Amino acid sequence: MTRRRRLPWRAGAAALTVVLAAAWVAAPLPAEPGVRFVRSQPVTTSKTAEKPAKPAKRTKYASPIRYAYAPSCDDPGACAHMILVGDGAERGRLPYSFDETMFALSRDGRRAAFLRDSDNTYVVADLRTGVVERLPVRQPRGTVTALFGAQPPLFSLDGRHVLVQPDRLTKDTDVVLETPVIVDVARGTAIRLPDRGQVAGWTSEGLVMKSGEPSRRSPGHLRSVRFAVYSPKGDLLRRYTMPGNVEWTIEPSPSGRLIASRHRELTPGGVLQQGVALFDTETGEHVRTVTPRLATGWWLASLLRWEDEDTLTVRADGPLGETSYLVLDLRTAAIRPIDVTGEVADLMLRPAELSVVLGRVRQ
């Protein structure tokens, strides 16, 4: 059983290039240093300006990787790699081949999973030893990438398993997500799950899948979102249903007890950001709303992932197009910037949130 998603492939790709060509300038929040993305500008001098030195190729890292990003380059064939930044100022490039949206880091920053385009195979790289293991999952004829609906690899909370979901494009430009596969990284074994929808995320129990039930009264809206929890061995553990007014990109907390969704209200003046709404997965009821202590004019652009039961990693945008990655304490509403710096990407061509891949966030 497969899941289809309509994709205006040729026209959509052209339109996407135009949309993503908007100028992005990102700076940290006023209080503390955070993310700084700077749009490159042409320099007119008598001598050609020297480009910054490219980080050396590295397969081993003594310290955990904090984040990775796609370098700025006009030649994709020559720049098919990710820049990895670790603790202790470690920095290097890891060849990854296909697309940064199909690249993942484990939460402890010790492993990377990605699609290798030389053989259309998913692999996992141990960043401590430099060993690259091929996973028993093949991606037929490349991927449409996450930008068009593909599912990136996703490590379990402990990094022992990785979720891989191949995709393909039909002749009618439908994106088809194949059966999800849970791979035991150490053993190299694979378990295929029933096709129950799309991946919601990992909890301490296992992998959570989701599917939406359309609303008959409000076309284009969901009446409810159904969740199914599977163990790493593929056993169905439990199901639950949430109201359809939560975001589709929501991810359950590590325990599976909570779901976070941005709380927004439509007003005559526009969309009012109220903060992060928390819901109980057992009852479906709203627990509380946490309003982050953002600077004036800043707003929550997306909820990225849970770090623990009381902490979220989020992305915030500013009034002038700035972008910051932040850790939000759900108990106090306090925030702290994540130290993400460097030549993160050519943001004339891709949005910042697709360029940075987080590894170990918390020290």
Protein backbone atom coordinates (compact mmCIF):
# COMPACT_ATOMS: atom_id res chain seq x y z
CA MET A 1 0.00 0.00 0.00
CA THR A 2 1.41 3.39 -0.89
CA ARG A 3 0.55 6.97 -0.28
CA ARG A 4 0.26 9.40 -3.20
CA ARG A 5 0.78 13.11 -3.20
CA ARG A 6 0.21 15.31 -6.24
CA LEU A 7 3.30 17.14 -7.43
CA PRO A 8 3.36 19.64 -10.31
CA TRP A 9 6.90 18.47 -11.03
CA ARG A 10 8.13 20.44 -14.01
CA ALA A 11 6.09 23.61 -13.49
CA GLY A 12 6.43 23.34 -9.72
CA ALA A 13 10.20 23.12 -9.86
CA ALA A 14 10.42 26.24 -11.96
CA ALA A 15 8.04 28.14 -9.71
CA LEU A 16 9.93 26.97 -6.65
CA THR A 17 13.16 28.45 -7.94
CA VAL A 18 11.48 31.82 -8.25
CA VAL A 19 9.95 31.65 -4.78
CA LEU A 20 13.18 30.64 -3.09
CA ALA A 21 15.10 33.37 -4.84
CA ALA A 22 13.84 35.89 -2.28
CA ALA A 23 16.50 37.67 -0.28
CA TRP A 24 17.19 36.30 3.19
CA VAL A 25 19.16 38.14 5.85
CA ALA A 26 19.28 36.47 9.23
CA ALA A 27 20.67 37.82 12.45
CA PRO A 28 20.56 36.82 16.12
CA LEU A 29 18.04 38.04 18.62
CA PRO A 30 19.11 41.33 20.17
CA ALA A 31 19.84 39.84 23.60
CA GLU A 32 22.43 37.16 22.74
CA PRO A 33 24.46 35.96 19.74
CA GLY A 34 22.60 33.33 17.76
CA VAL A 35 22.32 32.50 14.09
CA ARG A 36 23.74 34.86 11.53
CA PHE A 37 23.00 34.30 7.86
CA VAL A 38 24.31 36.93 5.49
CA ARG A 39 23.29 37.21 1.87
CA SER A 40 26.34 37.32 -0.33
CA GLN A 41 26.89 40.42 -2.47
CA PRO A 42 29.08 40.79 -5.56
CA VAL A 43 32.38 42.55 -4.92
CA THR A 44 33.92 44.75 -7.61
CA THR A 45 37.68 45.11 -7.13
CA SER A 46 40.77 45.08 -9.28
CA LYS A 47 41.62 41.65 -7.97
CA THR A 48 39.39 38.62 -7.65
CA ALA A 49 38.25 38.22 -4.08
CA GLU A 50 39.51 35.04 -2.49
CA LYS A 51 36.90 32.54 -1.36
CA PRO A 52 37.11 31.18 2.18
CA ALA A 53 39.09 27.98 2.45
CA LYS A 54 37.00 24.88 2.06
CA PRO A 55 37.07 22.65 5.14
CA ALA A 56 39.16 19.53 4.71
CA LYS A 57 37.44 16.23 4.10
CA ARG A 58 36.99 14.43 7.41
CA THR A 59 35.41 11.11 8.24
CA LYS A 60 36.30 10.98 11.96
CA TYR A 61 35.35 13.42 14.70
CA ALA A 62 36.50 13.18 18.31
CA SER A 63 33.65 15.34 19.58
CA PRO A 64 29.88 15.19 18.89
CA ILE A 65 28.56 17.11 15.89
CA ARG A 66 26.39 20.07 16.89
CA TYR A 67 25.03 20.84 13.43
CA ALA A 68 25.65 20.44 9.71
CA TYR A 69 24.91 22.73 6.80
CA ALA A 70 25.06 22.81 3.01
CA PRO A 71 27.88 24.98 1.65
CA SER A 72 27.38 27.76 -0.84
CA CYS A 73 28.50 26.62 -4.26
CA ASP A 74 27.65 27.25 -7.90
CA ASP A 75 28.66 23.74 -8.94
CA PRO A 76 26.57 21.05 -7.22
CA GLY A 77 28.78 18.31 -8.63
CA ALA A 78 31.87 19.79 -7.03
CA CYS A 79 30.19 20.66 -3.74
CA ALA A 80 28.25 17.51 -2.97
CA HIS A 81 29.06 17.51 0.72
CA MET A 82 27.89 18.77 4.07
CA ILE A 83 29.92 20.91 6.44
CA LEU A 84 29.94 19.37 9.92
CA VAL A 85 30.62 21.48 13.00
CA GLY A 86 31.47 19.76 16.25
CA ASP A 87 32.39 20.70 19.79
CA GLY A 88 35.93 21.86 20.37
CA ALA A 89 36.01 23.81 17.08
CA GLU A 90 36.11 20.63 14.97
CA ARG A 91 34.96 21.35 11.44
CA GLY A 92 35.12 19.34 8.22
CA ARG A 93 33.24 18.25 5.15
CA LEU A 94 31.46 14.94 4.68
CA PRO A 95 30.57 13.85 1.14
CA TYR A 96 26.86 13.09 1.10
CA SER A 97 25.92 13.36 -2.58
CA PHE A 98 22.21 13.84 -3.08
CA ASP A 99 20.49 16.66 -1.20
CA GLU A 100 20.79 18.29 2.21
CA THR A 101 17.09 17.78 2.91
CA MET A 102 17.73 14.01 2.88
CA PHE A 103 20.56 14.23 5.40
CA ALA A 104 20.12 13.51 9.13
CA LEU A 105 22.20 13.56 12.31
CA SER A 106 21.57 11.49 15.42
CA ARG A 107 20.66 13.45 18.53
CA ASP A 108 23.98 12.62 20.18
CA GLY A 109 25.84 13.97 17.15
CA ARG A 110 27.70 10.70 16.58
CA ARG A 111 26.04 9.38 13.42
CA ALA A 112 24.84 10.70 10.07
CA ALA A 113 22.32 9.09 7.72
CA PHE A 114 21.94 10.12 4.09
CA LEU A 115 21.11 9.00 0.58
CA ARG A 116 24.16 8.21 -1.53
CA ASP A 117 23.45 8.98 -5.17
CA SER A 118 26.24 6.79 -6.56
CA ASP A 119 24.10 3.70 -5.91
CA ASN A 120 20.78 5.19 -4.67
CA THR A 121 21.38 3.60 -1.29
CA TYR A 122 20.83 4.91 2.22
CA VAL A 123 23.91 4.75 4.42
CA VAL A 124 24.84 5.51 8.02
CA ALA A 125 28.23 7.02 8.84
CA ASP A 126 29.76 6.52 12.28
CA LEU A 127 31.41 9.90 12.82
CA ARG A 128 33.73 8.59 15.55
CA THR A 129 35.24 5.74 13.55
CA GLY A 130 34.64 6.97 9.99
CA VAL A 131 32.96 3.68 9.03
CA VAL A 132 30.10 3.99 6.53
CA GLU A 133 27.53 1.18 6.58
CA ARG A 134 25.11 0.57 3.74
CA LEU A 135 21.49 0.10 4.86
CA PRO A 136 19.33 -2.67 3.35
CA VAL A 137 17.03 -0.10 1.73
CA ARG A 138 17.31 1.03 -1.88
CA GLN A 139 15.87 4.24 -3.24
CA PRO A 140 14.69 3.66 -6.84
CA ARG A 141 15.90 6.29 -9.31
CA GLY A 142 16.81 8.98 -6.83
CA THR A 143 14.38 10.98 -4.72
CA VAL A 144 12.11 13.99 -5.13
CA THR A 145 13.72 15.35 -1.90
CA ALA A 146 11.95 16.53 1.24
CA LEU A 147 11.11 19.82 -0.43
CA PHE A 148 8.57 17.96 -2.57
CA GLY A 149 7.24 15.62 0.11
CA ALA A 150 9.86 12.89 0.54
CA GLN A 151 10.60 11.62 4.04
CA PRO A 152 14.18 12.27 5.23
CA PRO A 153 15.97 9.60 7.29
CA LEU A 154 15.11 9.92 10.97
CA PHE A 155 17.13 8.54 13.89
CA SER A 156 15.41 7.17 16.98
CA LEU A 157 15.96 9.08 20.23
CA ASP A 158 18.80 6.76 21.27
CA GLY A 159 20.29 6.60 17.77
CA ARG A 160 20.01 2.79 17.60
CA HIS A 161 17.44 2.77 14.80
CA VAL A 162 16.83 4.88 11.74
CA LEU A 163 13.59 5.32 9.82
CA VAL A 164 13.88 5.26 6.03
CA GLN A 165 10.95 5.70 3.64
CA PRO A 166 11.75 5.44 -0.08
CA ASP A 167 9.77 7.51 -2.55
CA ARG A 168 9.19 7.64 -6.27
CA LEU A 169 7.62 9.87 -8.88
CA THR A 170 5.01 8.42 -11.23
CA LYS A 171 4.62 9.41 -14.86
CA ASP A 172 1.64 11.52 -13.76
CA THR A 173 3.94 13.46 -11.38
CA ASP A 174 2.47 11.90 -8.25
CA VAL A 175 4.85 11.51 -5.33
CA VAL A 176 4.49 8.01 -3.90
CA LEU A 177 5.81 7.27 -0.42
CA GLU A 178 6.67 3.60 -0.12
CA THR A 179 6.32 1.44 2.98
CA PRO A 180 8.33 2.86 5.92
CA VAL A 181 11.32 0.78 7.03
CA ILE A 182 12.90 0.68 10.51
CA VAL A 183 16.58 -0.31 10.34
CA ASP A 184 18.56 -1.56 13.33
CA VAL A 185 21.82 0.31 12.76
CA ALA A 186 24.05 -2.12 14.68
CA ARG A 187 22.60 -5.31 13.22
CA GLY A 188 21.70 -4.01 9.77
CA THR A 189 18.28 -5.65 9.90
CA ALA A 190 15.16 -4.02 8.47
CA ILE A 191 11.50 -4.16 9.50
CA ARG A 192 8.79 -2.92 7.10
CA LEU A 193 5.73 -1.30 8.66
CA PRO A 194 2.17 -1.28 7.34
CA ASP A 195 1.50 1.90 5.37
CA ARG A 196 -0.57 3.85 7.88
CA GLY A 197 0.18 7.39 6.77
CA GLN A 198 3.16 9.65 7.26
CA VAL A 199 5.95 9.71 9.84
CA ALA A 200 5.22 11.83 12.92
CA GLY A 201 8.43 11.11 14.86
CA TRP A 202 10.09 8.88 17.43
CA THR A 203 9.21 8.50 21.11
CA SER A 204 10.73 6.31 23.81
CA GLU A 205 8.15 3.67 22.80
CA GLY A 206 8.95 3.63 19.11
CA LEU A 207 7.97 5.17 15.79
CA VAL A 208 4.77 7.21 15.52
CA MET A 209 2.83 7.33 12.23
CA LYS A 210 -0.02 9.75 11.48
CA SER A 211 -2.92 10.08 9.07
CA GLY A 212 -5.58 12.77 8.72
CA GLU A 213 -9.33 12.47 8.40
CA PRO A 214 -10.72 15.24 6.15
CA SER A 215 -13.51 17.46 7.39
CA ARG A 216 -16.73 17.17 5.38
CA ARG A 217 -17.95 20.60 6.45
CA SER A 218 -14.68 22.45 5.83
CA PRO A 219 -12.93 21.27 2.65
CA GLY A 220 -9.17 21.37 2.95
CA HIS A 221 -9.28 21.01 6.75
CA LEU A 222 -8.76 17.98 8.96
CA ARG A 223 -11.44 16.82 11.36
CA SER A 224 -8.94 14.70 13.27
CA VAL A 225 -5.43 13.28 13.12
CA ARG A 226 -4.95 9.60 13.91
CA PHE A 227 -1.70 8.29 15.37
CA ALA A 228 -0.29 4.76 15.56
CA VAL A 229 2.76 3.83 17.66
CA TYR A 230 5.01 0.97 16.51
CA SER A 231 7.87 -0.64 18.40
CA PRO A 232 11.29 -0.84 16.69
CA LYS A 233 10.39 -4.47 15.95
CA GLY A 234 7.28 -3.38 14.04
CA ASP A 235 4.65 -4.31 16.65
CA LEU A 236 1.62 -2.02 16.95
CA LEU A 237 1.62 -0.70 20.52
CA ARG A 238 -1.30 1.74 20.63
CA ARG A 239 -3.41 4.24 18.73
CA TYR A 240 -4.83 7.64 19.59
CA THR A 241 -6.66 10.47 17.88
CA MET A 242 -6.11 14.22 18.15
CA PRO A 243 -8.36 17.08 17.04
CA GLY A 244 -7.71 18.42 13.57
CA ASN A 245 -6.87 21.94 14.73
CA VAL A 246 -3.26 20.99 15.49
CA GLU A 247 -0.46 21.48 12.97
CA TRP A 248 0.23 18.68 10.51
CA THR A 249 3.97 18.91 11.21
CA ILE A 250 3.49 18.20 14.91
CA GLU A 251 5.76 15.72 16.66
CA PRO A 252 4.99 13.86 19.91
CA SER A 253 7.14 14.46 22.98
CA PRO A 254 9.80 11.85 23.94
CA SER A 255 7.38 10.14 26.33
CA GLY A 256 4.55 10.33 23.80
CA ARG A 257 2.29 12.03 26.36
CA LEU A 258 2.26 15.49 24.78
CA ILE A 259 1.97 17.11 21.38
CA ALA A 260 3.06 20.67 20.68
CA SER A 261 1.51 22.94 18.09
CA ARG A 262 1.88 26.63 17.36
CA HIS A 263 -1.11 28.52 18.74
CA ARG A 264 -2.28 31.14 16.26
CA GLU A 265 -5.43 33.22 15.94
CA LEU A 266 -6.77 35.09 12.94
CA THR A 267 -7.49 38.76 13.63
CA PRO A 268 -8.53 41.68 11.38
CA GLY A 269 -4.90 42.78 11.48
CA GLY A 270 -3.44 39.42 10.49
CA VAL A 271 -2.28 36.26 12.27
CA LEU A 272 -1.67 36.68 15.99
CA GLN A 273 1.03 34.42 17.42
CA GLN A 274 -0.01 33.19 20.86
CA GLY A 275 2.82 30.74 21.50
CA VAL A 276 3.05 26.96 21.78
CA ALA A 277 -0.08 24.98 22.64
CA LEU A 278 0.41 21.64 24.41
CA PHE A 279 -2.12 18.80 24.09
CA ASP A 280 -2.53 15.56 26.05
CA THR A 281 -2.39 12.57 23.67
CA GLU A 282 -4.53 10.42 25.98
CA THR A 283 -7.47 12.83 26.20
CA GLY A 284 -6.87 15.13 23.23
CA GLU A 285 -7.42 18.08 25.55
CA HIS A 286 -5.46 21.31 25.59
CA VAL A 287 -3.10 21.35 28.59
CA ARG A 288 -1.63 24.84 28.45
CA THR A 289 -0.10 27.43 26.13
CA VAL A 290 3.48 28.65 26.54
CA THR A 291 4.33 32.10 25.19
CA PRO A 292 8.08 32.37 24.41
CA ARG A 293 9.90 35.48 25.57
CA LEU A 294 10.75 36.71 22.10
CA ALA A 295 11.91 40.21 21.26
CA THR A 296 9.36 42.62 19.82
CA GLY A 297 8.47 41.77 16.25
CA TRP A 298 9.79 38.20 16.42
CA TRP A 299 7.51 35.20 15.95
CA LEU A 300 7.67 31.40 15.92
CA ALA A 301 8.24 30.20 12.38
CA SER A 302 8.31 26.47 13.17
CA LEU A 303 8.68 23.88 15.92
CA LEU A 304 11.66 21.72 15.02
CA ARG A 305 11.84 18.95 17.61
CA TRP A 306 11.59 18.01 21.28
CA GLU A 307 14.86 17.88 23.23
CA ASP A 308 13.23 16.44 26.34
CA GLU A 309 9.80 16.48 27.93
CA ASP A 310 10.13 20.16 28.93
CA THR A 311 12.18 21.56 26.06
CA LEU A 312 11.59 22.32 22.40
CA THR A 313 13.94 23.46 19.65
CA VAL A 314 12.26 26.11 17.52
CA ARG A 315 13.00 28.52 14.69
CA ALA A 316 12.01 32.15 15.07
CA ASP A 317 11.86 34.87 12.41
CA GLY A 318 12.28 38.59 12.91
CA PRO A 319 10.57 41.65 11.42
CA LEU A 320 13.32 42.19 8.83
CA GLY A 321 13.60 38.56 7.72
CA GLU A 322 16.07 37.52 10.42
CA THR A 323 16.22 33.89 11.51
CA SER A 324 17.33 32.34 14.80
CA TYR A 325 17.39 28.80 16.12
CA LEU A 326 16.36 28.68 19.77
CA VAL A 327 15.85 26.31 22.69
CA LEU A 328 12.52 26.97 24.43
CA ASP A 329 11.97 25.97 28.07
CA LEU A 330 8.30 25.03 28.33
CA ARG A 331 8.33 25.47 32.13
CA THR A 332 9.55 29.07 32.19
CA ALA A 333 9.01 30.26 28.58
CA ALA A 334 12.69 31.28 28.56
CA ILE A 335 14.70 30.93 25.36
CA ARG A 336 18.38 30.64 24.52
CA PRO A 337 19.96 30.86 21.06
CA ILE A 338 21.69 27.86 19.55
CA ASP A 339 25.21 28.71 18.46
CA VAL A 340 24.92 28.19 14.70
CA THR A 341 27.36 30.30 12.73
CA GLY A 342 29.35 30.26 9.52
CA GLU A 343 28.70 30.36 5.78
CA VAL A 344 25.52 28.37 6.21
CA ALA A 345 24.25 28.31 2.63
CA ASP A 346 23.56 30.29 -0.47
CA LEU A 347 20.25 31.62 0.79
CA MET A 348 19.44 33.15 -2.57
CA LEU A 349 18.58 29.61 -3.65
CA ARG A 350 17.35 27.79 -0.55
CA PRO A 351 15.65 28.80 2.70
CA ALA A 352 17.70 28.66 5.88
CA GLU A 353 15.53 26.09 7.62
CA LEU A 354 16.34 23.54 4.90
CA SER A 355 20.08 24.17 5.12
CA VAL A 356 20.82 23.53 8.80
CA VAL A 357 20.63 20.00 10.22
CA LEU A 358 20.81 19.83 14.01
CA GLY A 359 22.78 17.20 15.88
CA ARG A 360 23.55 17.46 19.59
CA VAL A 361 21.85 20.63 20.76
CA ARG A 362 22.08 20.44 24.52
CA GLN A 363 25.41 20.27 26.38
